[in-house]
Every structure is written in C-alpha cells, then in structure tokens.
N, C-alpha and C. Protein backbone atom coordinates (compact mmCIF):
# COMPACT_ATOMS: atom_id res chain seq x y z
N MET A 1 11.16 4.48 -19.95
CA MET A 1 11.59 5.03 -18.67
C MET A 1 11.92 3.91 -17.70
N PRO A 2 12.83 4.12 -16.75
CA PRO A 2 13.21 3.06 -15.82
C PRO A 2 12.06 2.49 -15.02
N ARG A 3 11.05 3.32 -14.67
CA ARG A 3 9.97 2.83 -13.82
C ARG A 3 9.16 1.72 -14.49
N SER A 4 9.16 1.65 -15.81
CA SER A 4 8.36 0.66 -16.51
C SER A 4 9.19 -0.51 -16.99
N SER A 5 10.38 -0.68 -16.42
CA SER A 5 11.27 -1.76 -16.84
C SER A 5 10.59 -3.11 -16.65
N PRO A 6 10.57 -3.97 -17.67
CA PRO A 6 9.88 -5.26 -17.57
C PRO A 6 10.75 -6.33 -16.94
N ALA A 7 10.17 -7.51 -16.83
CA ALA A 7 10.88 -8.72 -16.42
C ALA A 7 11.58 -8.55 -15.09
N ARG A 8 10.86 -8.02 -14.10
CA ARG A 8 11.45 -7.81 -12.79
C ARG A 8 10.93 -8.84 -11.82
N ARG A 9 11.81 -9.41 -11.03
CA ARG A 9 11.38 -10.34 -9.99
C ARG A 9 11.32 -9.59 -8.66
N PRO A 10 10.38 -9.91 -7.78
CA PRO A 10 10.30 -9.19 -6.52
C PRO A 10 11.45 -9.54 -5.61
N ALA A 11 12.02 -8.53 -4.96
CA ALA A 11 13.05 -8.77 -3.96
C ALA A 11 12.40 -9.07 -2.63
N GLY A 12 13.19 -9.55 -1.69
CA GLY A 12 12.68 -9.81 -0.36
C GLY A 12 12.27 -8.52 0.31
N ARG A 13 11.49 -8.62 1.37
CA ARG A 13 10.96 -7.43 2.01
C ARG A 13 12.01 -6.73 2.87
N THR A 14 13.08 -7.41 3.26
CA THR A 14 14.10 -6.78 4.07
C THR A 14 14.81 -5.70 3.26
N ALA A 15 14.84 -4.49 3.79
CA ALA A 15 15.44 -3.37 3.07
C ALA A 15 16.79 -3.01 3.69
N ILE A 16 17.72 -2.66 2.85
CA ILE A 16 19.03 -2.17 3.26
C ILE A 16 19.17 -0.73 2.79
N ALA A 17 19.58 0.15 3.69
CA ALA A 17 19.77 1.55 3.32
C ALA A 17 21.17 1.74 2.73
N VAL A 18 21.22 2.41 1.60
CA VAL A 18 22.49 2.81 0.99
C VAL A 18 22.56 4.33 1.07
N LEU A 19 23.53 4.83 1.82
CA LEU A 19 23.64 6.26 2.09
C LEU A 19 24.93 6.80 1.47
N GLY A 20 24.93 8.07 1.12
CA GLY A 20 26.11 8.68 0.54
C GLY A 20 25.76 9.99 -0.12
N GLY A 21 26.75 10.61 -0.72
CA GLY A 21 26.59 11.95 -1.26
C GLY A 21 25.72 12.02 -2.50
N SER A 22 25.17 13.23 -2.72
CA SER A 22 24.31 13.45 -3.89
C SER A 22 25.12 13.93 -5.09
N GLY A 23 26.42 14.13 -4.92
CA GLY A 23 27.23 14.70 -5.98
C GLY A 23 27.74 13.77 -7.06
N PRO A 24 28.09 12.51 -6.76
CA PRO A 24 28.71 11.65 -7.78
C PRO A 24 27.86 11.52 -9.05
N ALA A 25 28.51 11.67 -10.18
CA ALA A 25 27.83 11.58 -11.47
C ALA A 25 28.04 10.20 -12.08
N PRO A 26 27.16 9.78 -12.98
CA PRO A 26 27.36 8.49 -13.66
C PRO A 26 28.75 8.38 -14.25
N GLY A 27 29.37 7.23 -14.02
CA GLY A 27 30.72 7.00 -14.50
C GLY A 27 31.80 7.30 -13.49
N SER A 28 31.49 8.08 -12.45
CA SER A 28 32.49 8.38 -11.42
C SER A 28 32.66 7.16 -10.52
N PRO A 29 33.81 7.05 -9.83
CA PRO A 29 34.05 5.86 -8.99
C PRO A 29 32.98 5.64 -7.93
N ASP A 30 32.58 6.69 -7.21
CA ASP A 30 31.60 6.50 -6.15
C ASP A 30 30.23 6.13 -6.72
N TYR A 31 29.86 6.71 -7.86
CA TYR A 31 28.58 6.36 -8.48
C TYR A 31 28.57 4.89 -8.88
N GLU A 32 29.63 4.44 -9.52
CA GLU A 32 29.66 3.07 -10.00
C GLU A 32 29.78 2.07 -8.85
N ARG A 33 30.46 2.45 -7.77
CA ARG A 33 30.50 1.57 -6.59
C ARG A 33 29.10 1.43 -5.99
N ALA A 34 28.40 2.55 -5.87
CA ALA A 34 27.04 2.50 -5.33
C ALA A 34 26.11 1.70 -6.23
N ARG A 35 26.28 1.85 -7.51
CA ARG A 35 25.47 1.07 -8.46
C ARG A 35 25.73 -0.42 -8.30
N ASP A 36 27.00 -0.78 -8.11
CA ASP A 36 27.36 -2.18 -7.90
C ASP A 36 26.78 -2.70 -6.59
N VAL A 37 26.82 -1.87 -5.54
CA VAL A 37 26.22 -2.26 -4.26
C VAL A 37 24.74 -2.54 -4.44
N GLY A 38 24.02 -1.64 -5.10
CA GLY A 38 22.60 -1.84 -5.31
C GLY A 38 22.31 -3.11 -6.09
N ARG A 39 23.12 -3.36 -7.10
CA ARG A 39 22.94 -4.57 -7.91
C ARG A 39 23.15 -5.83 -7.07
N ARG A 40 24.19 -5.81 -6.25
CA ARG A 40 24.49 -6.98 -5.43
C ARG A 40 23.44 -7.19 -4.33
N LEU A 41 22.96 -6.11 -3.76
CA LEU A 41 21.91 -6.24 -2.74
C LEU A 41 20.65 -6.84 -3.33
N ALA A 42 20.25 -6.34 -4.50
CA ALA A 42 19.05 -6.88 -5.14
C ALA A 42 19.23 -8.34 -5.50
N ALA A 43 20.41 -8.70 -6.00
CA ALA A 43 20.68 -10.09 -6.36
C ALA A 43 20.62 -11.00 -5.14
N ALA A 44 20.93 -10.44 -3.97
CA ALA A 44 20.87 -11.22 -2.73
C ALA A 44 19.46 -11.22 -2.12
N GLY A 45 18.50 -10.55 -2.78
CA GLY A 45 17.12 -10.59 -2.32
C GLY A 45 16.69 -9.45 -1.44
N PHE A 46 17.50 -8.40 -1.34
CA PHE A 46 17.15 -7.25 -0.50
C PHE A 46 16.50 -6.16 -1.33
N ALA A 47 15.61 -5.41 -0.71
CA ALA A 47 15.17 -4.14 -1.27
C ALA A 47 16.20 -3.08 -0.89
N VAL A 48 16.29 -2.03 -1.69
CA VAL A 48 17.21 -0.92 -1.42
C VAL A 48 16.39 0.30 -1.05
N VAL A 49 16.72 0.91 0.09
CA VAL A 49 16.08 2.16 0.50
C VAL A 49 17.16 3.22 0.60
N ASN A 50 16.86 4.41 0.11
CA ASN A 50 17.83 5.50 0.20
C ASN A 50 17.09 6.83 0.20
N GLY A 51 17.86 7.92 0.11
CA GLY A 51 17.26 9.24 0.19
C GLY A 51 16.54 9.72 -1.05
N GLY A 52 16.57 8.93 -2.13
CA GLY A 52 15.70 9.18 -3.26
C GLY A 52 16.18 10.14 -4.33
N TYR A 53 17.27 10.87 -4.07
CA TYR A 53 17.69 11.90 -5.03
C TYR A 53 18.83 11.38 -5.91
N GLY A 54 19.84 12.23 -6.19
CA GLY A 54 20.88 11.86 -7.13
C GLY A 54 22.12 11.27 -6.49
N GLY A 55 23.18 11.17 -7.27
CA GLY A 55 24.45 10.69 -6.77
C GLY A 55 24.39 9.24 -6.33
N VAL A 56 24.89 8.97 -5.13
CA VAL A 56 24.90 7.62 -4.57
C VAL A 56 23.48 7.05 -4.48
N MET A 57 22.52 7.92 -4.18
CA MET A 57 21.13 7.46 -4.05
C MET A 57 20.60 6.96 -5.40
N GLU A 58 20.81 7.76 -6.43
CA GLU A 58 20.39 7.33 -7.78
C GLU A 58 21.12 6.06 -8.21
N ALA A 59 22.42 6.04 -7.95
CA ALA A 59 23.23 4.91 -8.42
C ALA A 59 22.82 3.60 -7.76
N SER A 60 22.60 3.62 -6.44
CA SER A 60 22.23 2.37 -5.76
C SER A 60 20.85 1.90 -6.20
N ALA A 61 19.93 2.84 -6.41
CA ALA A 61 18.60 2.47 -6.92
C ALA A 61 18.70 1.93 -8.34
N ARG A 62 19.52 2.56 -9.15
CA ARG A 62 19.71 2.10 -10.53
C ARG A 62 20.26 0.69 -10.56
N GLY A 63 21.29 0.42 -9.76
CA GLY A 63 21.86 -0.91 -9.73
C GLY A 63 20.85 -1.96 -9.28
N ALA A 64 20.06 -1.59 -8.27
CA ALA A 64 19.04 -2.54 -7.79
C ALA A 64 18.00 -2.83 -8.86
N ARG A 65 17.55 -1.79 -9.54
CA ARG A 65 16.56 -1.99 -10.60
C ARG A 65 17.12 -2.81 -11.74
N GLU A 66 18.39 -2.59 -12.07
CA GLU A 66 19.02 -3.36 -13.14
C GLU A 66 19.12 -4.83 -12.79
N ALA A 67 19.11 -5.14 -11.49
CA ALA A 67 19.12 -6.53 -11.04
C ALA A 67 17.72 -6.99 -10.65
N CYS A 68 16.70 -6.25 -11.13
CA CYS A 68 15.29 -6.63 -10.89
C CYS A 68 14.90 -6.54 -9.43
N GLY A 69 15.51 -5.63 -8.69
CA GLY A 69 15.18 -5.45 -7.29
C GLY A 69 14.16 -4.35 -7.08
N ARG A 70 13.78 -4.16 -5.82
CA ARG A 70 12.79 -3.16 -5.44
C ARG A 70 13.50 -2.00 -4.77
N THR A 71 13.04 -0.77 -5.02
CA THR A 71 13.69 0.42 -4.48
C THR A 71 12.68 1.34 -3.82
N ILE A 72 13.12 1.97 -2.74
CA ILE A 72 12.30 2.91 -1.98
C ILE A 72 13.11 4.18 -1.78
N GLY A 73 12.54 5.32 -2.10
CA GLY A 73 13.21 6.59 -1.91
C GLY A 73 12.50 7.43 -0.86
N VAL A 74 13.22 7.82 0.18
CA VAL A 74 12.64 8.64 1.25
C VAL A 74 13.09 10.08 1.01
N THR A 75 12.20 10.89 0.49
CA THR A 75 12.52 12.27 0.15
C THR A 75 11.95 13.21 1.22
N THR A 76 12.18 14.49 1.06
CA THR A 76 11.67 15.44 2.06
C THR A 76 11.19 16.72 1.40
N LYS A 77 10.11 17.28 1.94
CA LYS A 77 9.58 18.55 1.46
C LYS A 77 10.50 19.70 1.82
N ALA A 78 11.45 19.46 2.72
CA ALA A 78 12.42 20.50 3.07
C ALA A 78 13.30 20.86 1.88
N PHE A 79 13.47 19.94 0.94
CA PHE A 79 14.26 20.20 -0.26
C PHE A 79 13.34 20.59 -1.40
N ALA A 80 12.62 21.69 -1.21
CA ALA A 80 11.65 22.12 -2.22
C ALA A 80 12.33 22.49 -3.54
N PHE A 81 13.62 22.81 -3.47
CA PHE A 81 14.35 23.20 -4.67
C PHE A 81 14.77 22.00 -5.51
N ARG A 82 14.61 20.80 -4.97
CA ARG A 82 14.98 19.60 -5.72
C ARG A 82 13.76 19.01 -6.41
N PRO A 83 13.98 18.34 -7.55
CA PRO A 83 12.86 17.62 -8.17
C PRO A 83 12.49 16.41 -7.31
N GLY A 84 11.49 15.67 -7.73
CA GLY A 84 11.08 14.49 -6.98
C GLY A 84 12.13 13.40 -7.05
N ALA A 85 11.74 12.21 -6.66
CA ALA A 85 12.66 11.08 -6.61
C ALA A 85 13.21 10.77 -8.00
N ASN A 86 14.42 10.21 -8.02
CA ASN A 86 15.03 9.85 -9.29
C ASN A 86 14.21 8.73 -9.97
N PRO A 87 14.35 8.57 -11.28
CA PRO A 87 13.47 7.64 -12.02
C PRO A 87 13.69 6.17 -11.72
N TRP A 88 14.72 5.84 -10.92
CA TRP A 88 14.96 4.44 -10.59
C TRP A 88 14.27 4.01 -9.29
N ILE A 89 13.52 4.93 -8.69
CA ILE A 89 12.80 4.64 -7.45
C ILE A 89 11.42 4.08 -7.77
N ASP A 90 11.08 2.95 -7.15
CA ASP A 90 9.74 2.36 -7.30
C ASP A 90 8.72 3.10 -6.45
N THR A 91 9.06 3.28 -5.17
CA THR A 91 8.13 3.87 -4.21
C THR A 91 8.78 5.06 -3.54
N GLU A 92 8.16 6.23 -3.69
CA GLU A 92 8.66 7.42 -3.02
C GLU A 92 7.86 7.68 -1.76
N GLU A 93 8.56 7.90 -0.65
CA GLU A 93 7.92 8.26 0.61
C GLU A 93 8.40 9.67 0.98
N SER A 94 7.50 10.62 0.92
CA SER A 94 7.84 12.01 1.19
C SER A 94 7.66 12.31 2.67
N THR A 95 8.66 12.98 3.25
CA THR A 95 8.60 13.34 4.67
C THR A 95 8.60 14.86 4.81
N ALA A 96 8.18 15.33 5.99
CA ALA A 96 8.01 16.76 6.20
C ALA A 96 9.33 17.49 6.36
N ASP A 97 10.31 16.84 6.98
CA ASP A 97 11.57 17.53 7.26
C ASP A 97 12.71 16.52 7.32
N LEU A 98 13.92 17.03 7.53
CA LEU A 98 15.11 16.17 7.54
C LEU A 98 15.11 15.20 8.70
N HIS A 99 14.60 15.62 9.84
CA HIS A 99 14.56 14.74 11.01
C HIS A 99 13.69 13.52 10.74
N GLU A 100 12.49 13.76 10.18
CA GLU A 100 11.60 12.65 9.86
C GLU A 100 12.20 11.77 8.77
N ARG A 101 12.87 12.38 7.81
CA ARG A 101 13.49 11.61 6.73
C ARG A 101 14.55 10.67 7.28
N THR A 102 15.42 11.18 8.14
CA THR A 102 16.47 10.33 8.73
C THR A 102 15.85 9.22 9.56
N ARG A 103 14.86 9.56 10.36
CA ARG A 103 14.20 8.54 11.18
C ARG A 103 13.56 7.46 10.33
N ARG A 104 12.90 7.86 9.24
CA ARG A 104 12.24 6.89 8.36
C ARG A 104 13.27 5.96 7.71
N LEU A 105 14.39 6.52 7.26
CA LEU A 105 15.44 5.69 6.66
C LEU A 105 15.95 4.65 7.64
N ILE A 106 16.17 5.07 8.88
CA ILE A 106 16.69 4.15 9.90
C ILE A 106 15.67 3.09 10.26
N GLU A 107 14.43 3.49 10.40
CA GLU A 107 13.38 2.53 10.75
C GLU A 107 13.15 1.53 9.62
N ARG A 108 13.27 1.98 8.38
CA ARG A 108 13.02 1.13 7.22
C ARG A 108 14.07 0.06 7.04
N ALA A 109 15.30 0.35 7.48
CA ALA A 109 16.44 -0.48 7.11
C ALA A 109 16.80 -1.50 8.18
N ALA A 110 17.24 -2.68 7.71
CA ALA A 110 17.79 -3.71 8.61
C ALA A 110 19.30 -3.59 8.71
N GLY A 111 19.90 -2.77 7.86
CA GLY A 111 21.34 -2.57 7.87
C GLY A 111 21.67 -1.41 6.95
N PHE A 112 22.94 -0.98 6.97
CA PHE A 112 23.33 0.23 6.27
C PHE A 112 24.66 0.04 5.55
N VAL A 113 24.71 0.46 4.29
CA VAL A 113 25.97 0.57 3.56
C VAL A 113 26.16 2.05 3.28
N ILE A 114 27.27 2.62 3.75
CA ILE A 114 27.48 4.06 3.67
C ILE A 114 28.72 4.35 2.84
N LEU A 115 28.52 5.07 1.75
CA LEU A 115 29.61 5.51 0.90
C LEU A 115 29.97 6.95 1.26
N PRO A 116 31.07 7.47 0.74
CA PRO A 116 31.46 8.83 1.09
C PRO A 116 30.40 9.86 0.72
N GLY A 117 30.31 10.89 1.54
CA GLY A 117 29.41 12.01 1.30
C GLY A 117 29.92 13.23 2.04
N ARG A 118 29.06 14.18 2.22
CA ARG A 118 29.47 15.40 2.91
C ARG A 118 28.70 15.51 4.22
N SER A 119 28.25 16.70 4.58
CA SER A 119 27.68 16.90 5.92
C SER A 119 26.45 16.05 6.17
N GLY A 120 25.59 15.88 5.15
CA GLY A 120 24.38 15.08 5.36
C GLY A 120 24.71 13.63 5.66
N THR A 121 25.66 13.07 4.91
CA THR A 121 26.06 11.68 5.14
C THR A 121 26.72 11.53 6.51
N LEU A 122 27.57 12.48 6.87
CA LEU A 122 28.23 12.42 8.18
C LEU A 122 27.21 12.52 9.31
N SER A 123 26.19 13.35 9.14
CA SER A 123 25.18 13.47 10.19
C SER A 123 24.38 12.18 10.33
N GLU A 124 24.10 11.52 9.21
CA GLU A 124 23.39 10.24 9.28
C GLU A 124 24.25 9.19 9.98
N LEU A 125 25.53 9.14 9.64
CA LEU A 125 26.42 8.17 10.26
C LEU A 125 26.56 8.42 11.76
N THR A 126 26.81 9.65 12.15
CA THR A 126 27.00 9.93 13.58
C THR A 126 25.71 9.70 14.37
N PHE A 127 24.56 9.93 13.73
CA PHE A 127 23.30 9.63 14.41
C PHE A 127 23.14 8.13 14.62
N LEU A 128 23.51 7.34 13.61
CA LEU A 128 23.49 5.89 13.77
C LEU A 128 24.41 5.46 14.91
N TRP A 129 25.58 6.07 14.98
CA TRP A 129 26.51 5.74 16.07
C TRP A 129 25.93 6.12 17.43
N ALA A 130 25.26 7.27 17.49
CA ALA A 130 24.64 7.69 18.75
C ALA A 130 23.57 6.69 19.19
N LEU A 131 22.79 6.22 18.22
CA LEU A 131 21.77 5.21 18.55
C LEU A 131 22.41 3.92 19.03
N ALA A 132 23.50 3.51 18.36
CA ALA A 132 24.20 2.29 18.77
C ALA A 132 24.75 2.44 20.18
N LYS A 133 25.33 3.59 20.49
CA LYS A 133 25.88 3.84 21.81
C LYS A 133 24.79 3.77 22.88
N ALA A 134 23.60 4.26 22.53
CA ALA A 134 22.49 4.27 23.48
C ALA A 134 21.74 2.94 23.53
N GLY A 135 22.15 1.97 22.70
CA GLY A 135 21.47 0.69 22.67
C GLY A 135 20.15 0.74 21.94
N LEU A 136 19.95 1.74 21.07
CA LEU A 136 18.67 1.93 20.39
C LEU A 136 18.70 1.50 18.93
N LEU A 137 19.84 1.05 18.45
CA LEU A 137 19.95 0.62 17.05
C LEU A 137 19.76 -0.87 16.91
N GLY A 138 19.71 -1.59 18.01
CA GLY A 138 19.70 -3.04 17.94
C GLY A 138 21.04 -3.52 17.42
N ALA A 139 21.01 -4.60 16.66
CA ALA A 139 22.25 -5.14 16.09
C ALA A 139 22.35 -4.84 14.60
N LYS A 140 21.68 -3.79 14.14
CA LYS A 140 21.72 -3.46 12.72
C LYS A 140 23.15 -3.13 12.31
N PRO A 141 23.68 -3.82 11.31
CA PRO A 141 25.07 -3.59 10.91
C PRO A 141 25.25 -2.31 10.10
N ILE A 142 26.41 -1.69 10.29
CA ILE A 142 26.82 -0.51 9.53
C ILE A 142 28.09 -0.88 8.78
N VAL A 143 28.07 -0.75 7.47
CA VAL A 143 29.23 -1.06 6.64
C VAL A 143 29.67 0.22 5.93
N LEU A 144 30.93 0.60 6.12
CA LEU A 144 31.48 1.80 5.50
C LEU A 144 32.31 1.39 4.29
N LEU A 145 31.96 1.92 3.12
CA LEU A 145 32.62 1.56 1.88
C LEU A 145 33.28 2.79 1.27
N GLY A 146 34.60 2.73 1.11
CA GLY A 146 35.31 3.84 0.49
C GLY A 146 36.58 4.17 1.24
N GLU A 147 37.56 4.68 0.51
CA GLU A 147 38.86 4.96 1.11
C GLU A 147 38.79 6.01 2.21
N VAL A 148 37.87 6.96 2.08
CA VAL A 148 37.80 8.02 3.10
C VAL A 148 37.50 7.44 4.47
N TRP A 149 36.65 6.42 4.52
CA TRP A 149 36.32 5.81 5.81
C TRP A 149 37.52 5.03 6.35
N GLU A 150 38.32 4.46 5.47
CA GLU A 150 39.50 3.71 5.92
C GLU A 150 40.50 4.63 6.61
N ARG A 151 40.48 5.91 6.27
CA ARG A 151 41.34 6.88 6.95
C ARG A 151 40.65 7.48 8.17
N LEU A 152 39.35 7.73 8.05
CA LEU A 152 38.64 8.45 9.10
C LEU A 152 38.37 7.60 10.34
N LEU A 153 37.89 6.36 10.13
CA LEU A 153 37.50 5.56 11.29
C LEU A 153 38.67 5.26 12.23
N PRO A 154 39.84 4.82 11.72
CA PRO A 154 40.97 4.61 12.65
C PRO A 154 41.37 5.89 13.38
N ALA A 155 41.29 7.04 12.69
CA ALA A 155 41.65 8.30 13.34
C ALA A 155 40.68 8.61 14.48
N LEU A 156 39.41 8.43 14.24
CA LEU A 156 38.42 8.66 15.30
C LEU A 156 38.61 7.70 16.46
N ARG A 157 38.94 6.45 16.14
CA ARG A 157 39.18 5.46 17.18
C ARG A 157 40.40 5.82 18.00
N ASP A 158 41.48 6.22 17.33
CA ASP A 158 42.71 6.58 18.05
C ASP A 158 42.51 7.80 18.93
N LEU A 159 41.63 8.70 18.52
CA LEU A 159 41.35 9.90 19.31
C LEU A 159 40.32 9.66 20.40
N GLY A 160 39.78 8.45 20.46
CA GLY A 160 38.79 8.13 21.47
C GLY A 160 37.42 8.74 21.21
N LEU A 161 37.12 9.02 19.95
CA LEU A 161 35.86 9.68 19.61
C LEU A 161 34.76 8.72 19.20
N VAL A 162 35.05 7.44 19.12
CA VAL A 162 34.02 6.44 18.88
C VAL A 162 34.11 5.39 19.99
N ASP A 163 32.96 4.86 20.35
CA ASP A 163 32.88 3.94 21.48
C ASP A 163 32.88 2.49 21.02
N GLU A 164 33.14 1.60 21.96
CA GLU A 164 33.20 0.17 21.64
C GLU A 164 31.88 -0.33 21.06
N GLU A 165 30.76 0.18 21.58
CA GLU A 165 29.46 -0.23 21.05
C GLU A 165 29.33 0.11 19.57
N VAL A 166 29.93 1.22 19.19
CA VAL A 166 29.90 1.65 17.79
C VAL A 166 30.75 0.73 16.93
N LEU A 167 31.95 0.42 17.40
CA LEU A 167 32.86 -0.42 16.63
C LEU A 167 32.30 -1.83 16.44
N GLU A 168 31.51 -2.31 17.39
CA GLU A 168 30.95 -3.66 17.29
C GLU A 168 29.98 -3.81 16.13
N VAL A 169 29.34 -2.71 15.71
CA VAL A 169 28.36 -2.80 14.62
C VAL A 169 28.86 -2.15 13.35
N THR A 170 30.12 -1.69 13.32
CA THR A 170 30.67 -0.98 12.16
C THR A 170 31.80 -1.78 11.53
N THR A 171 31.73 -1.95 10.22
CA THR A 171 32.74 -2.70 9.47
C THR A 171 33.22 -1.86 8.30
N LEU A 172 34.52 -1.89 8.05
CA LEU A 172 35.09 -1.26 6.86
C LEU A 172 35.13 -2.28 5.72
N ALA A 173 34.78 -1.83 4.53
CA ALA A 173 34.82 -2.70 3.36
C ALA A 173 35.60 -2.02 2.25
N GLY A 174 36.36 -2.82 1.49
CA GLY A 174 37.19 -2.28 0.44
C GLY A 174 36.58 -2.34 -0.95
N SER A 175 35.45 -3.02 -1.09
CA SER A 175 34.81 -3.17 -2.39
C SER A 175 33.32 -3.42 -2.19
N PRO A 176 32.48 -3.22 -3.22
CA PRO A 176 31.07 -3.55 -3.08
C PRO A 176 30.83 -5.00 -2.68
N ALA A 177 31.61 -5.92 -3.22
CA ALA A 177 31.45 -7.33 -2.85
C ALA A 177 31.72 -7.53 -1.37
N GLU A 178 32.81 -6.93 -0.87
CA GLU A 178 33.12 -7.04 0.56
C GLU A 178 32.03 -6.40 1.40
N ALA A 179 31.48 -5.28 0.93
CA ALA A 179 30.44 -4.59 1.70
C ALA A 179 29.20 -5.47 1.87
N VAL A 180 28.76 -6.09 0.79
CA VAL A 180 27.55 -6.92 0.87
C VAL A 180 27.82 -8.18 1.68
N GLU A 181 29.02 -8.74 1.57
CA GLU A 181 29.37 -9.91 2.38
C GLU A 181 29.40 -9.53 3.86
N ALA A 182 30.00 -8.38 4.19
CA ALA A 182 30.05 -7.93 5.59
C ALA A 182 28.66 -7.65 6.12
N LEU A 183 27.81 -7.10 5.28
CA LEU A 183 26.43 -6.85 5.69
C LEU A 183 25.73 -8.16 6.02
N GLY A 184 25.93 -9.17 5.18
CA GLY A 184 25.31 -10.47 5.43
C GLY A 184 25.76 -11.07 6.74
N ARG A 185 27.05 -10.96 7.03
CA ARG A 185 27.55 -11.47 8.31
C ARG A 185 26.94 -10.71 9.48
N GLY A 186 26.81 -9.40 9.33
CA GLY A 186 26.21 -8.60 10.38
C GLY A 186 24.75 -8.95 10.61
N LEU A 187 24.02 -9.19 9.54
CA LEU A 187 22.62 -9.58 9.68
C LEU A 187 22.50 -10.95 10.33
N ASP A 188 23.42 -11.86 10.01
CA ASP A 188 23.42 -13.18 10.67
C ASP A 188 23.63 -13.03 12.17
N ARG A 189 24.55 -12.14 12.56
CA ARG A 189 24.79 -11.90 13.98
C ARG A 189 23.56 -11.31 14.65
N ALA A 190 22.86 -10.44 13.91
CA ALA A 190 21.65 -9.83 14.46
C ALA A 190 20.58 -10.88 14.72
N VAL A 191 20.44 -11.81 13.78
CA VAL A 191 19.46 -12.89 13.95
C VAL A 191 19.84 -13.75 15.15
N GLN A 192 21.12 -14.07 15.29
CA GLN A 192 21.58 -14.87 16.42
C GLN A 192 21.35 -14.14 17.74
N ALA A 193 21.60 -12.82 17.74
CA ALA A 193 21.35 -12.03 18.96
C ALA A 193 19.87 -12.05 19.32
N GLY A 194 19.01 -11.96 18.29
CA GLY A 194 17.58 -12.01 18.55
C GLY A 194 17.15 -13.36 19.10
N ALA A 195 17.77 -14.43 18.58
CA ALA A 195 17.43 -15.77 19.07
C ALA A 195 17.84 -15.97 20.52
N ARG A 196 18.90 -15.24 20.94
CA ARG A 196 19.35 -15.34 22.34
C ARG A 196 18.61 -14.36 23.24
N GLY A 197 17.68 -13.61 22.65
CA GLY A 197 16.94 -12.65 23.45
C GLY A 197 17.56 -11.29 23.51
N GLY A 198 18.60 -11.05 22.69
CA GLY A 198 19.24 -9.75 22.65
C GLY A 198 18.56 -8.85 21.65
N PRO A 199 19.12 -7.64 21.42
CA PRO A 199 18.52 -6.72 20.47
C PRO A 199 18.63 -7.25 19.06
N SER A 200 17.58 -7.12 18.31
CA SER A 200 17.54 -7.65 16.95
C SER A 200 17.88 -6.56 15.95
N GLY A 201 18.46 -6.99 14.80
CA GLY A 201 18.76 -6.03 13.75
C GLY A 201 17.68 -5.98 12.69
N GLY A 202 16.56 -6.67 12.87
CA GLY A 202 15.49 -6.65 11.87
C GLY A 202 14.61 -5.46 12.03
N THR A 203 13.68 -5.32 11.09
CA THR A 203 12.73 -4.21 11.15
C THR A 203 11.34 -4.76 11.39
C-alpha cells in the first residue's frame, strides 16, 4: 500500500496547498499535471496539503509521495458519503464542516497552486481573493495552473471583478514547472516583505 512506501526522506515543514477538482482520473491531463506538481513540490522540500480525497487531491499527494515527500489531507465529516482520505495521504486531519476545512487548508499553507475544478475550487479561490483584498492573507502566493484560468482571470480583470491586491498575489502558470517556479518567487517576495515588516506569507 502507498502508506508503507519505504525509502522516504522527510520534506521541509513548509506546506503548499494544491487545490482542484475531485473528478480527474489517473491518466487524464489534470490528474497528471497535479501529480507532477506534487512531485516537484516534494523535490523542492515542501510538504503538500490538500483536501484529502480524489482527483487533483489524490494526484498531488501521489506525486509528492513518489518523490518521498510528506502529505497532509484535510477532510470533513460533512462528506459522510465519501470514504476517508486517499491512500497517498500521510496525515489526515478531519474537520467538522466545509468552513473549518477551508480555514484549516488556508492556515496550513504558505502558498497555493490551484488547478481547474468546479464550485468547491472556485469558492476556495474567491475566498483566498477576499482575504487578500482585506489584507488577511499576508503575502501568500496564489498560482493558477491550467488553460481555464488563462481565459477566466483576464476576463474577470477586464470586467473589474478582481482587485489590484488580488492580482499582486496571483500568477498564471502554463505548466507544473512554471507553477512551482512562480510559487518559489512568490515565497521569496513574502520573506522579503516580512523582513521589511510587511505581511508575511509564512505559516
């Protein structure tokens, strides 16, 4: 079973949240992109935190474990119809409801890589934007990976539906490699902001 995989090196304690839909199946483009993101994050020394279930969540955890990284799944009792965390999760943290689950994911993470999803993913993204607008997210970077975001973000910007504070912490990426590189740059900016006495992107 994946949980007993040997020869694993510990990843750094800084966790990155990988968010996205629960629908993508192994072998699909979004699943394999998420798996690559998880692998690259673990190779860079990050732990991966996600919602703990299938699709993008399973894929990013799987990729991280394949690169000997650490994974955390934040699940919720509100999804009583779902089984527990996927087998690639090291540590499952169960929450009472969706609000607590979202809050725990945000608190746990120093940054976010978001792949396409449906209403749940959109609600997580817009909540992150609301926190950024209110100055409550610190400098935690948000990286959007996938063609859907390349169409959606410019449209929202042109319509005036996203604010400058949001755009400052949000980056579009065209590949898993670009996503992890953009995340690293965002974390560097967060550290610099903290050194200047500004809001920090750490946890």
